[in-house]
C-alpha atoms as a PDB file:
ATOM      1  CA  MET A   1      49.134  81.746 -60.818  1.00  0.00           C
ATOM      2  CA  VAL A   2      46.552  79.255 -59.494  1.00  0.00           C
ATOM      3  CA  GLU A   3      44.320  80.763 -56.877  1.00  0.00           C
ATOM      4  CA  GLU A   4      44.429  78.753 -53.650  1.00  0.00           C
ATOM      5  CA  LYS A   5      41.111  77.330 -52.559  1.00  0.00           C
ATOM      6  CA  VAL A   6      39.770  75.921 -49.320  1.00  0.00           C
ATOM      7  CA  ARG A   7      36.647  74.018 -48.414  1.00  0.00           C
ATOM      8  CA  CYS A   8      33.815  75.331 -46.277  1.00  0.00           C
ATOM      9  CA  LEU A   9      33.990  73.652 -42.890  1.00  0.00           C
ATOM     10  CA  ASN A  10      30.202  73.319 -42.807  1.00  0.00           C
ATOM     11  CA  CYS A  11      29.212  72.047 -46.280  1.00  0.00           C
ATOM     12  CA  ALA A  12      32.596  71.376 -47.985  1.00  0.00           C
ATOM     13  CA  GLU A  13      31.935  73.911 -50.778  1.00  0.00           C
ATOM     14  CA  LEU A  14      35.128  75.069 -52.552  1.00  0.00           C
ATOM     15  CA  LEU A  15      35.983  78.662 -51.590  1.00  0.00           C
ATOM     16  CA  THR A  16      38.726  81.102 -52.456  1.00  0.00           C
ATOM     17  CA  LYS A  17      40.764  82.725 -49.722  1.00  0.00           C
ATOM     18  CA  ASP A  18      39.113  86.109 -50.243  1.00  0.00           C
ATOM     19  CA  GLN A  19      35.548  84.754 -49.844  1.00  0.00           C
ATOM     20  CA  ASN A  20      34.426  85.713 -46.347  1.00  0.00           C
ATOM     21  CA  TYR A  21      31.234  83.660 -46.470  1.00  0.00           C
ATOM     22  CA  CYS A  22      30.230  80.440 -48.157  1.00  0.00           C
ATOM     23  CA  PRO A  23      27.802  81.128 -51.049  1.00  0.00           C
ATOM     24  CA  ASN A  24      26.215  77.701 -50.517  1.00  0.00           C
ATOM     25  CA  CYS A  25      25.379  77.655 -46.793  1.00  0.00           C
ATOM     26  CA  GLY A  26      26.237  81.179 -45.608  1.00  0.00           C
ATOM     27  CA  GLN A  27      28.730  80.179 -42.894  1.00  0.00           C
ATOM     28  CA  GLU A  28      31.699  82.458 -42.334  1.00  0.00           C
ATOM     29  CA  ASN A  29      34.943  81.272 -43.916  1.00  0.00           C
ATOM     30  CA  THR A  30      37.115  81.011 -40.831  1.00  0.00           C
ATOM     31  CA  ILE A  31      39.425  78.650 -38.993  1.00  0.00           C
ATOM     32  CA  LYS A  32      38.268  75.574 -37.093  1.00  0.00           C
ATOM     33  CA  LYS A  33      39.290  76.807 -33.667  1.00  0.00           C
ATOM     34  CA  LEU A  34      37.166  79.762 -32.591  1.00  0.00           C
ATOM     35  CA  PRO A  35      38.793  82.215 -30.149  1.00  0.00           C
ATOM     36  CA  ILE A  36      36.658  83.128 -27.180  1.00  0.00           C
ATOM     37  CA  GLY A  37      36.514  86.750 -28.299  1.00  0.00           C
ATOM     38  CA  ALA A  38      35.098  85.755 -31.680  1.00  0.00           C
ATOM     39  CA  PHE A  39      32.633  83.419 -29.955  1.00  0.00           C
ATOM     40  CA  ILE A  40      31.320  86.223 -27.717  1.00  0.00           C
ATOM     41  CA  GLN A  41      31.204  88.652 -30.655  1.00  0.00           C
ATOM     42  CA  ASP A  42      29.196  86.172 -32.731  1.00  0.00           C
ATOM     43  CA  PHE A  43      26.742  85.615 -29.861  1.00  0.00           C
ATOM     44  CA  LEU A  44      26.236  89.347 -29.240  1.00  0.00           C
ATOM     45  CA  SER A  45      25.767  89.993 -32.944  1.00  0.00           C
ATOM     46  CA  ASN A  46      23.033  87.368 -33.237  1.00  0.00           C
ATOM     47  CA  TYR A  47      21.386  88.457 -29.974  1.00  0.00           C
ATOM     48  CA  LEU A  48      21.365  92.159 -30.814  1.00  0.00           C
ATOM     49  CA  SER A  49      20.075  91.406 -34.292  1.00  0.00           C
ATOM     50  CA  PHE A  50      17.187  89.406 -32.826  1.00  0.00           C
ATOM     51  CA  ASP A  51      16.577  92.100 -30.211  1.00  0.00           C
ATOM     52  CA  THR A  52      16.336  94.766 -32.941  1.00  0.00           C
ATOM     53  CA  VAL A  53      13.884  92.741 -34.994  1.00  0.00           C
ATOM     54  CA  LEU A  54      11.854  91.963 -31.845  1.00  0.00           C
ATOM     55  CA  SER A  55      11.602  95.636 -30.922  1.00  0.00           C
ATOM     56  CA  LYS A  56      10.393  96.463 -34.441  1.00  0.00           C
ATOM     57  CA  THR A  57       7.850  93.649 -34.281  1.00  0.00           C
ATOM     58  CA  LEU A  58       6.287  94.207 -30.855  1.00  0.00           C
ATOM     59  CA  TYR A  59       4.698  97.626 -31.433  1.00  0.00           C
ATOM     60  CA  PRO A  60       2.633  96.710 -34.531  1.00  0.00           C
ATOM     61  CA  PHE A  61       2.040  93.252 -33.091  1.00  0.00           C
ATOM     62  CA  ILE A  62       0.369  94.664 -29.967  1.00  0.00           C
ATOM     63  CA  PHE A  63      -1.145  97.941 -31.128  1.00  0.00           C
ATOM     64  CA  LYS A  64      -1.813  97.518 -34.882  1.00  0.00           C
ATOM     65  CA  PRO A  65      -3.980  94.433 -35.425  1.00  0.00           C
ATOM     66  CA  GLY A  66      -3.420  92.818 -38.794  1.00  0.00           C
ATOM     67  CA  LYS A  67      -0.419  94.940 -39.813  1.00  0.00           C
ATOM     68  CA  LEU A  68       2.155  92.173 -39.424  1.00  0.00           C
ATOM     69  CA  THR A  69       0.054  89.805 -41.520  1.00  0.00           C
ATOM     70  CA  LYS A  70      -0.634  92.451 -44.168  1.00  0.00           C
ATOM     71  CA  ASP A  71       3.030  93.404 -44.459  1.00  0.00           C
ATOM     72  CA  PHE A  72       4.151  89.776 -44.540  1.00  0.00           C
ATOM     73  CA  ASN A  73       1.682  88.876 -47.290  1.00  0.00           C
ATOM     74  CA  GLU A  74       2.840  91.921 -49.272  1.00  0.00           C
ATOM     75  CA  GLY A  75       6.444  90.709 -49.093  1.00  0.00           C
ATOM     76  CA  LYS A  76       7.734  92.981 -46.279  1.00  0.00           C
ATOM     77  CA  ARG A  77       9.199  90.122 -44.245  1.00  0.00           C
ATOM     78  CA  LYS A  78      12.769  90.920 -43.292  1.00  0.00           C
ATOM     79  CA  ARG A  79      11.948  93.666 -40.785  1.00  0.00           C
ATOM     80  CA  TYR A  80       9.734  91.478 -38.561  1.00  0.00           C
ATOM     81  CA  ILE A  81      10.061  88.172 -36.714  1.00  0.00           C
ATOM     82  CA  ASN A  82       8.914  85.203 -38.779  1.00  0.00           C
ATOM     83  CA  PRO A  83       5.258  84.349 -37.918  1.00  0.00           C
ATOM     84  CA  ILE A  84       6.107  80.772 -36.896  1.00  0.00           C
ATOM     85  CA  ARG A  85       8.923  81.985 -34.661  1.00  0.00           C
ATOM     86  CA  LEU A  86       6.630  84.592 -33.107  1.00  0.00           C
ATOM     87  CA  TYR A  87       3.960  81.953 -32.520  1.00  0.00           C
ATOM     88  CA  LEU A  88       6.440  79.604 -30.855  1.00  0.00           C
ATOM     89  CA  LEU A  89       7.873  82.403 -28.711  1.00  0.00           C
ATOM     90  CA  PHE A  90       4.552  83.439 -27.179  1.00  0.00           C
ATOM     91  CA  SER A  91       3.092  79.928 -27.011  1.00  0.00           C
ATOM     92  CA  LEU A  92       6.159  78.960 -24.981  1.00  0.00           C
ATOM     93  CA  PHE A  93       5.500  81.925 -22.693  1.00  0.00           C
ATOM     94  CA  PHE A  94       1.816  81.043 -22.298  1.00  0.00           C
ATOM     95  CA  PHE A  95       2.243  77.328 -21.629  1.00  0.00           C
ATOM     96  CA  PHE A  96       5.103  78.064 -19.259  1.00  0.00           C
ATOM     97  CA  MET A  97       2.725  80.240 -17.230  1.00  0.00           C
ATOM     98  CA  VAL A  98       0.040  77.535 -17.397  1.00  0.00           C
ATOM     99  CA  GLY A  99       2.545  74.952 -16.199  1.00  0.00           C
ATOM    100  CA  LEU A 100       3.407  77.093 -13.183  1.00  0.00           C
ATOM    101  CA  LEU A 101      -0.197  77.467 -12.062  1.00  0.00           C
ATOM    102  CA  VAL A 102      -1.718  74.059 -12.809  1.00  0.00           C
ATOM    103  CA  PRO A 103      -2.078  72.180  -9.500  1.00  0.00           C
ATOM    104  CA  ASN A 104      -0.418  68.811  -9.004  1.00  0.00           C
ATOM    105  CA  ASP A 105      -3.646  67.283  -7.754  1.00  0.00           C
ATOM    106  CA  PHE A 106      -7.105  68.550  -8.728  1.00  0.00           C
ATOM    107  CA  THR A 107      -8.636  66.716  -5.758  1.00  0.00           C
ATOM    108  CA  LYS A 108      -6.795  68.946  -3.318  1.00  0.00           C
ATOM    109  CA  GLY A 109      -7.530  72.656  -3.077  1.00  0.00           C
ATOM    110  CA  LYS A 110      -5.983  75.538  -1.219  1.00  0.00           C
ATOM    111  CA  GLY A 111      -6.477  75.295   2.502  1.00  0.00           C
ATOM    112  CA  LYS A 112      -8.045  71.837   2.400  1.00  0.00           C
ATOM    113  CA  LEU A 113      -7.010  68.957   4.605  1.00  0.00           C
ATOM    114  CA  THR A 114      -4.537  66.358   3.424  1.00  0.00           C
ATOM    115  CA  ASP A 115      -5.601  62.745   2.942  1.00  0.00           C
ATOM    116  CA  LYS A 116      -3.923  61.787   6.222  1.00  0.00           C
ATOM    117  CA  GLU A 117      -5.786  64.519   8.091  1.00  0.00           C
ATOM    118  CA  LEU A 118      -9.053  63.481   6.489  1.00  0.00           C
ATOM    119  CA  VAL A 119      -8.593  59.880   7.658  1.00  0.00           C
ATOM    120  CA  THR A 120      -7.898  61.091  11.174  1.00  0.00           C
ATOM    121  CA  ALA A 121     -10.896  63.400  11.189  1.00  0.00           C
ATOM    122  CA  ASP A 122     -13.470  61.020   9.763  1.00  0.00           C
ATOM    123  CA  SER A 123     -14.405  57.769  11.513  1.00  0.00           C
ATOM    124  CA  VAL A 124     -15.998  56.291   8.401  1.00  0.00           C
ATOM    125  CA  SER A 125     -12.808  56.838   6.447  1.00  0.00           C
ATOM    126  CA  ASN A 126     -10.812  55.275   9.288  1.00  0.00           C
ATOM    127  CA  ILE A 127     -12.841  52.051   9.073  1.00  0.00           C
ATOM    128  CA  TYR A 128     -12.542  52.252   5.317  1.00  0.00           C
ATOM    129  CA  ILE A 129      -8.731  52.490   5.258  1.00  0.00           C
ATOM    130  CA  ASP A 130      -8.265  49.865   7.996  1.00  0.00           C
ATOM    131  CA  SER A 131     -10.374  47.394   6.049  1.00  0.00           C
ATOM    132  CA  LEU A 132      -8.341  48.025   2.916  1.00  0.00           C
ATOM    133  CA  SER A 133      -5.128  47.254   4.773  1.00  0.00           C
ATOM    134  CA  LYS A 134      -6.531  43.802   5.599  1.00  0.00           C
ATOM    135  CA  ASP A 135      -7.192  43.081   1.889  1.00  0.00           C
ATOM    136  CA  LEU A 136     -10.937  42.696   2.417  1.00  0.00           C
ATOM    137  CA  ASP A 137     -13.421  42.788  -0.441  1.00  0.00           C
ATOM    138  CA  PHE A 138     -13.775  46.504  -1.075  1.00  0.00           C
ATOM    139  CA  LYS A 139     -17.430  46.426  -2.041  1.00  0.00           C
ATOM    140  CA  ASN A 140     -18.323  44.954   1.341  1.00  0.00           C
ATOM    141  CA  VAL A 141     -16.226  47.327   3.451  1.00  0.00           C
ATOM    142  CA  VAL A 142     -18.545  50.306   3.665  1.00  0.00           C
ATOM    143  CA  ASN A 143     -22.201  50.556   2.861  1.00  0.00           C
ATOM    144  CA  PRO A 144     -22.521  53.304   0.235  1.00  0.00           C
ATOM    145  CA  LYS A 145     -25.261  54.929   2.300  1.00  0.00           C
ATOM    146  CA  GLU A 146     -22.795  55.387   5.150  1.00  0.00           C
ATOM    147  CA  ILE A 147     -20.268  57.286   3.050  1.00  0.00           C
ATOM    148  CA  LYS A 148     -20.059  60.839   4.247  1.00  0.00           C
ATOM    149  CA  LYS A 149     -21.455  63.348   1.784  1.00  0.00           C
ATOM    150  CA  ASP A 150     -18.737  65.858   2.538  1.00  0.00           C
ATOM    151  CA  ALA A 151     -16.873  66.609  -0.694  1.00  0.00           C
ATOM    152  CA  GLU A 152     -13.382  66.085   0.705  1.00  0.00           C
ATOM    153  CA  ALA A 153     -14.183  62.765   2.367  1.00  0.00           C
ATOM    154  CA  GLY A 154     -15.990  61.735  -0.804  1.00  0.00           C
ATOM    155  CA  TRP A 155     -12.870  62.356  -2.846  1.00  0.00           C
ATOM    156  CA  LEU A 156     -10.861  60.284  -0.394  1.00  0.00           C
ATOM    157  CA  ASN A 157     -13.229  57.341  -0.704  1.00  0.00           C
ATOM    158  CA  LEU A 158     -13.155  57.490  -4.482  1.00  0.00           C
ATOM    159  CA  LYS A 159      -9.369  57.744  -4.531  1.00  0.00           C
ATOM    160  CA  GLN A 160      -9.011  54.687  -2.372  1.00  0.00           C
ATOM    161  CA  TRP A 161     -11.247  52.724  -4.727  1.00  0.00           C
ATOM    162  CA  ALA A 162      -9.144  53.888  -7.673  1.00  0.00           C
ATOM    163  CA  LYS A 163      -5.852  52.928  -6.013  1.00  0.00           C
ATOM    164  CA  ASP A 164      -6.946  49.511  -4.774  1.00  0.00           C
ATOM    165  CA  ASP A 165      -4.964  47.018  -6.901  1.00  0.00           C
ATOM    166  CA  THR A 166      -7.223  44.154  -5.798  1.00  0.00           C
ATOM    167  CA  LEU A 167     -10.299  45.860  -7.222  1.00  0.00           C
ATOM    168  CA  SER A 168     -10.952  45.169 -10.908  1.00  0.00           C
ATOM    169  CA  ASP A 169     -12.129  47.861 -13.343  1.00  0.00           C
ATOM    170  CA  GLN A 170     -15.530  46.169 -13.366  1.00  0.00           C
ATOM    171  CA  GLY A 171     -15.651  46.234  -9.574  1.00  0.00           C
ATOM    172  CA  PHE A 172     -14.676  49.917  -9.592  1.00  0.00           C
ATOM    173  CA  GLN A 173     -17.491  50.668 -12.024  1.00  0.00           C
ATOM    174  CA  GLU A 174     -19.976  48.755  -9.852  1.00  0.00           C
ATOM    175  CA  ASN A 175     -18.832  50.731  -6.816  1.00  0.00           C
ATOM    176  CA  LEU A 176     -19.464  53.963  -8.714  1.00  0.00           C
ATOM    177  CA  GLN A 177     -22.931  52.776  -9.640  1.00  0.00           C
ATOM    178  CA  SER A 178     -23.625  51.925  -5.997  1.00  0.00           C
ATOM    179  CA  ILE A 179     -23.257  55.618  -5.127  1.00  0.00           C
ATOM    180  CA  ASN A 180     -25.282  56.740  -8.154  1.00  0.00           C
ATOM    181  CA  ILE A 181     -22.364  57.517 -10.488  1.00  0.00           C
ATOM    182  CA  ASN A 182     -23.300  55.823 -13.755  1.00  0.00           C
ATOM    183  CA  VAL A 183     -20.556  55.720 -16.401  1.00  0.00           C
ATOM    184  CA  ASN A 184     -19.674  53.390 -19.266  1.00  0.00           C
ATOM    185  CA  ASP A 185     -16.569  51.166 -19.354  1.00  0.00           C
ATOM    186  CA  PHE A 186     -14.289  53.696 -21.012  1.00  0.00           C
ATOM    187  CA  ASN A 187     -15.400  56.611 -18.838  1.00  0.00           C
ATOM    188  CA  ALA A 188     -15.010  54.499 -15.700  1.00  0.00           C
ATOM    189  CA  LYS A 189     -11.442  53.588 -16.634  1.00  0.00           C
ATOM    190  CA  ALA A 190     -10.608  57.189 -17.486  1.00  0.00           C
ATOM    191  CA  PHE A 191     -12.151  58.398 -14.213  1.00  0.00           C
ATOM    192  CA  ARG A 192     -10.193  55.763 -12.286  1.00  0.00           C
ATOM    193  CA  ASN A 193      -6.939  56.811 -13.943  1.00  0.00           C
ATOM    194  CA  PHE A 194      -7.596  60.409 -13.008  1.00  0.00           C
ATOM    195  CA  LEU A 195      -8.348  59.588  -9.378  1.00  0.00           C
ATOM    196  CA  ALA A 196      -5.362  57.280  -9.021  1.00  0.00           C
ATOM    197  CA  GLU A 197      -2.800  59.523 -10.725  1.00  0.00           C
ATOM    198  CA  PRO A 198      -4.113  63.102 -10.791  1.00  0.00           C
ATOM    199  CA  ALA A 199      -0.627  64.621 -10.924  1.00  0.00           C
ATOM    200  CA  LEU A 200       0.307  62.488 -13.938  1.00  0.00           C
ATOM    201  CA  PHE A 201      -2.968  63.391 -15.643  1.00  0.00           C
ATOM    202  CA  THR A 202      -2.272  67.085 -15.050  1.00  0.00           C
ATOM    203  CA  TYR A 203       1.211  66.739 -16.494  1.00  0.00           C
ATOM    204  CA  LYS A 204       0.026  64.889 -19.607  1.00  0.00           C
ATOM    205  CA  ALA A 205      -2.944  67.173 -20.221  1.00  0.00           C
ATOM    206  CA  THR A 206      -0.740  70.267 -19.926  1.00  0.00           C
ATOM    207  CA  ARG A 207       1.926  68.721 -22.142  1.00  0.00           C
ATOM    208  CA  ASN A 208      -0.601  67.801 -24.855  1.00  0.00           C
ATOM    209  CA  LEU A 209      -2.351  71.177 -24.881  1.00  0.00           C
ATOM    210  CA  PRO A 210       0.199  72.914 -27.180  1.00  0.00           C
ATOM    211  CA  VAL A 211      -0.184  70.058 -29.674  1.00  0.00           C
ATOM    212  CA  LEU A 212      -3.956  70.474 -29.630  1.00  0.00           C
ATOM    213  CA  MET A 213      -3.726  74.214 -30.245  1.00  0.00           C
ATOM    214  CA  PHE A 214      -1.251  73.746 -33.079  1.00  0.00           C
ATOM    215  CA  PHE A 215      -3.622  71.325 -34.841  1.00  0.00           C
ATOM    216  CA  LEU A 216      -6.547  73.715 -34.367  1.00  0.00           C
ATOM    217  CA  LEU A 217      -4.725  76.502 -36.174  1.00  0.00           C
ATOM    218  CA  PRO A 218      -5.226  75.021 -39.705  1.00  0.00           C
ATOM    219  CA  LEU A 219      -8.954  74.675 -38.933  1.00  0.00           C
ATOM    220  CA  PHE A 220      -9.043  78.324 -37.930  1.00  0.00           C
ATOM    221  CA  ALA A 221      -7.395  79.251 -41.238  1.00  0.00           C
ATOM    222  CA  LEU A 222      -9.820  77.007 -43.124  1.00  0.00           C
ATOM    223  CA  ILE A 223     -12.818  78.900 -41.725  1.00  0.00           C
ATOM    224  CA  LEU A 224     -11.248  82.168 -42.887  1.00  0.00           C
ATOM    225  CA  LYS A 225     -10.611  80.626 -46.293  1.00  0.00           C
ATOM    226  CA  LEU A 226     -14.297  79.738 -46.595  1.00  0.00           C
ATOM    227  CA  PHE A 227     -15.204  83.361 -45.790  1.00  0.00           C
ATOM    228  CA  TYR A 228     -12.711  84.863 -48.266  1.00  0.00           C
ATOM    229  CA  PHE A 229     -12.088  82.085 -50.795  1.00  0.00           C
ATOM    230  CA  ARG A 230     -11.662  84.268 -53.909  1.00  0.00           C
ATOM    231  CA  ARG A 231      -8.978  86.830 -53.154  1.00  0.00           C
ATOM    232  CA  PHE A 232      -6.657  85.110 -50.679  1.00  0.00           C
ATOM    233  CA  TYR A 233      -4.547  81.961 -50.629  1.00  0.00           C
ATOM    234  CA  TYR A 234      -4.976  79.511 -47.772  1.00  0.00           C
ATOM    235  CA  ILE A 235      -1.394  80.129 -46.566  1.00  0.00           C
ATOM    236  CA  GLU A 236      -2.233  83.814 -46.079  1.00  0.00           C
ATOM    237  CA  HIS A 237      -4.957  82.823 -43.637  1.00  0.00           C
ATOM    238  CA  VAL A 238      -2.490  80.501 -41.882  1.00  0.00           C
ATOM    239  CA  ILE A 239      -0.128  83.460 -41.400  1.00  0.00           C
ATOM    240  CA  HIS A 240      -3.030  85.485 -40.023  1.00  0.00           C
ATOM    241  CA  GLY A 241      -3.897  82.625 -37.665  1.00  0.00           C
ATOM    242  CA  LEU A 242      -0.316  82.422 -36.428  1.00  0.00           C
ATOM    243  CA  HIS A 243      -0.296  86.122 -35.564  1.00  0.00           C
ATOM    244  CA  LEU A 244      -3.719  86.018 -33.879  1.00  0.00           C
ATOM    245  CA  HIS A 245      -2.856  82.954 -31.804  1.00  0.00           C
ATOM    246  CA  ALA A 246       0.496  84.455 -30.831  1.00  0.00           C
ATOM    247  CA  PHE A 247      -1.298  87.588 -29.624  1.00  0.00           C
ATOM    248  CA  ALA A 248      -3.824  85.517 -27.659  1.00  0.00           C
ATOM    249  CA  TYR A 249      -0.979  83.600 -26.008  1.00  0.00           C
ATOM    250  CA  PHE A 250       0.708  86.889 -25.123  1.00  0.00           C
ATOM    251  CA  ILE A 251      -2.421  88.425 -23.552  1.00  0.00           C
ATOM    252  CA  TYR A 252      -3.596  85.293 -21.743  1.00  0.00           C
ATOM    253  CA  GLY A 253      -0.068  84.619 -20.503  1.00  0.00           C
ATOM    254  CA  LEU A 254       0.028  88.115 -19.016  1.00  0.00           C
ATOM    255  CA  GLY A 255      -3.427  87.499 -17.569  1.00  0.00           C
ATOM    256  CA  ILE A 256      -2.264  84.356 -15.796  1.00  0.00           C
ATOM    257  CA  LEU A 257       0.709  86.277 -14.435  1.00  0.00           C
ATOM    258  CA  LEU A 258      -1.577  89.022 -13.108  1.00  0.00           C
ATOM    259  CA  MET A 259      -4.064  86.534 -11.639  1.00  0.00           C
ATOM    260  CA  SER A 260      -1.276  84.820  -9.745  1.00  0.00           C
ATOM    261  CA  THR A 261      -0.353  88.221  -8.286  1.00  0.00           C
ATOM    262  CA  PHE A 262      -3.823  89.685  -7.601  1.00  0.00           C
ATOM    263  CA  ASP A 263      -6.160  86.878  -6.545  1.00  0.00           C
ATOM    264  CA  SER A 264      -9.161  89.146  -6.027  1.00  0.00           C
ATOM    265  CA  SER A 265      -9.075  90.475  -9.607  1.00  0.00           C
ATOM    266  CA  GLU A 266      -9.344  87.165 -11.488  1.00  0.00           C
ATOM    267  CA  ASN A 267     -12.760  87.799 -13.071  1.00  0.00           C
ATOM    268  CA  TRP A 268     -11.846  91.272 -14.275  1.00  0.00           C
ATOM    269  CA  ILE A 269      -8.544  90.077 -15.702  1.00  0.00           C
ATOM    270  CA  LEU A 270     -10.247  87.232 -17.567  1.00  0.00           C
ATOM    271  CA  PHE A 271     -12.902  89.578 -18.948  1.00  0.00           C
ATOM    272  CA  ALA A 272     -10.349  92.210 -19.987  1.00  0.00           C
ATOM    273  CA  GLY A 273      -8.101  89.611 -21.638  1.00  0.00           C
ATOM    274  CA  PHE A 274     -10.945  88.004 -23.564  1.00  0.00           C
ATOM    275  CA  SER A 275     -12.280  91.410 -24.656  1.00  0.00           C
ATOM    276  CA  TRP A 276      -8.884  92.586 -25.854  1.00  0.00           C
ATOM    277  CA  VAL A 277      -8.244  89.398 -27.853  1.00  0.00           C
ATOM    278  CA  SER A 278     -11.739  89.550 -29.373  1.00  0.00           C
ATOM    279  CA  LEU A 279     -11.462  93.206 -30.394  1.00  0.00           C
ATOM    280  CA  TYR A 280      -7.952  92.612 -31.702  1.00  0.00           C
ATOM    281  CA  THR A 281      -9.253  89.799 -33.932  1.00  0.00           C
ATOM    282  CA  LEU A 282     -12.147  91.941 -35.196  1.00  0.00           C
ATOM    283  CA  PHE A 283      -9.893  94.894 -36.090  1.00  0.00           C
ATOM    284  CA  SER A 284      -7.339  92.564 -37.645  1.00  0.00           C
ATOM    285  CA  MET A 285      -9.996  91.054 -39.918  1.00  0.00           C
ATOM    286  CA  LYS A 286     -11.207  94.541 -40.909  1.00  0.00           C
ATOM    287  CA  ARG A 287      -7.657  95.652 -41.793  1.00  0.00           C
ATOM    288  CA  LEU A 288      -6.915  92.575 -43.897  1.00  0.00           C
ATOM    289  CA  TYR A 289     -10.142  91.647 -45.615  1.00  0.00           C
ATOM    290  CA  PRO A 290     -12.566  93.667 -47.753  1.00  0.00           C
ATOM    291  CA  GLY A 291     -16.096  94.389 -46.621  1.00  0.00           C
ATOM    292  CA  SER A 292     -18.069  96.730 -44.400  1.00  0.00           C
ATOM    293  CA  TRP A 293     -17.927  96.719 -40.622  1.00  0.00           C
ATOM    294  CA  GLY A 294     -21.292  94.955 -40.521  1.00  0.00           C
ATOM    295  CA  LYS A 295     -20.192  92.067 -42.754  1.00  0.00           C
ATOM    296  CA  THR A 296     -16.871  91.815 -40.940  1.00  0.00           C
ATOM    297  CA  PHE A 297     -18.625  91.665 -37.580  1.00  0.00           C
ATOM    298  CA  ILE A 298     -20.971  88.885 -38.736  1.00  0.00           C
ATOM    299  CA  LYS A 299     -18.031  86.873 -40.059  1.00  0.00           C
ATOM    300  CA  PHE A 300     -16.163  87.529 -36.828  1.00  0.00           C
ATOM    301  CA  LEU A 301     -19.046  86.126 -34.757  1.00  0.00           C
ATOM    302  CA  THR A 302     -19.372  83.101 -37.051  1.00  0.00           C
ATOM    303  CA  LEU A 303     -15.639  82.485 -36.880  1.00  0.00           C
ATOM    304  CA  GLY A 304     -15.763  82.670 -33.086  1.00  0.00           C
ATOM    305  CA  PHE A 305     -18.701  80.274 -32.875  1.00  0.00           C
ATOM    306  CA  PHE A 306     -17.176  77.548 -35.040  1.00  0.00           C
ATOM    307  CA  TYR A 307     -13.741  77.959 -33.518  1.00  0.00           C
ATOM    308  CA  PHE A 308     -15.229  77.596 -30.038  1.00  0.00           C
ATOM    309  CA  ILE A 309     -16.939  74.350 -31.125  1.00  0.00           C
ATOM    310  CA  PHE A 310     -13.663  72.994 -32.518  1.00  0.00           C
ATOM    311  CA  LEU A 311     -11.806  74.120 -29.413  1.00  0.00           C
ATOM    312  CA  LEU A 312     -14.319  72.524 -27.052  1.00  0.00           C
ATOM    313  CA  PHE A 313     -14.365  69.255 -28.982  1.00  0.00           C
ATOM    314  CA  GLY A 314     -10.566  69.165 -29.200  1.00  0.00           C
ATOM    315  CA  PHE A 315     -10.168  69.925 -25.512  1.00  0.00           C
ATOM    316  CA  VAL A 316     -12.557  67.157 -24.471  1.00  0.00           C
ATOM    317  CA  LEU A 317     -10.811  64.731 -26.831  1.00  0.00           C
ATOM    318  CA  GLU A 318      -7.427  65.760 -25.441  1.00  0.00           C
ATOM    319  CA  LEU A 319      -8.606  65.128 -21.877  1.00  0.00           C
ATOM    320  CA  TYR A 320      -9.908  61.690 -22.812  1.00  0.00           C
ATOM    321  CA  VAL A 321      -6.626  60.778 -24.506  1.00  0.00           C
ATOM    322  CA  SER A 322      -4.648  62.005 -21.494  1.00  0.00           C
ATOM    323  CA  LEU A 323      -6.844  59.980 -19.128  1.00  0.00           C
ATOM    324  CA  ALA A 324      -6.888  56.820 -21.241  1.00  0.00           C
ATOM    325  CA  PHE A 325      -3.108  56.584 -21.535  1.00  0.00           C
ATOM    326  CA  ILE A 326      -1.978  57.477 -18.008  1.00  0.00           C
END
């Protein structure tokens, strides 16, 4: 008797009737139409499975620096969340918190007057705006010496220069120079873009930040590779970097949440978060890599120094790119 066969609905692999799962792709051998009960059961099974793995991962992740990386590199991988998945989970949490707190307009602070209120309150700004409405030459509207030195009114004047479509980039740069702000062509254009569209700049800078951090991670692993180039593969340092960055995202994300709740405790929260992440990194390095505490501490400080340089350079570059392409 010929055994009846069917094809896997996902990959078309030939299966026998008694095969519950496809050996090629792993999908369950079932009918096309999925009853709602089976759909709910499948969802709960996947969710509870993830929840179990997450609960097993969180304790060593938070309280045992370096254990997840050590176990993963030793082949104990099924019991914990994949390092990339863990990194994405907590980076999503962190940048979500950043996105909630980043202001729409850096030129406006809490409790400050709106642009309309500033124009009403300041006679110089009134003349300034009225002249703009008549399409007069901007450079001849207000003598730079007459511009009020108040920070808020100063921002308003600069913003009006930036938004004036009749004023060329060269004219904007000359106006900046007339009030002792000397910048080159590229910086002047970037500064003008920021003043004209601060909300768009904020959005782009925040959106590009995860990309920057992801590209910095291989550099972080490269520094570790240079420290321990004999006994460890580069990918092992990448795994370590994923776990350390995920932990930093977790702690700093919680810090942002606490700062938004307790305004008066911002400095202490920042200090505590930075200290915890730093100590976590130091203990993680000691658990994973050979060497005395003294050598580990020196390498930890060197790692922090070079990573800070890369981070600072990348952040400045990211801001310039965000400003240049608004």
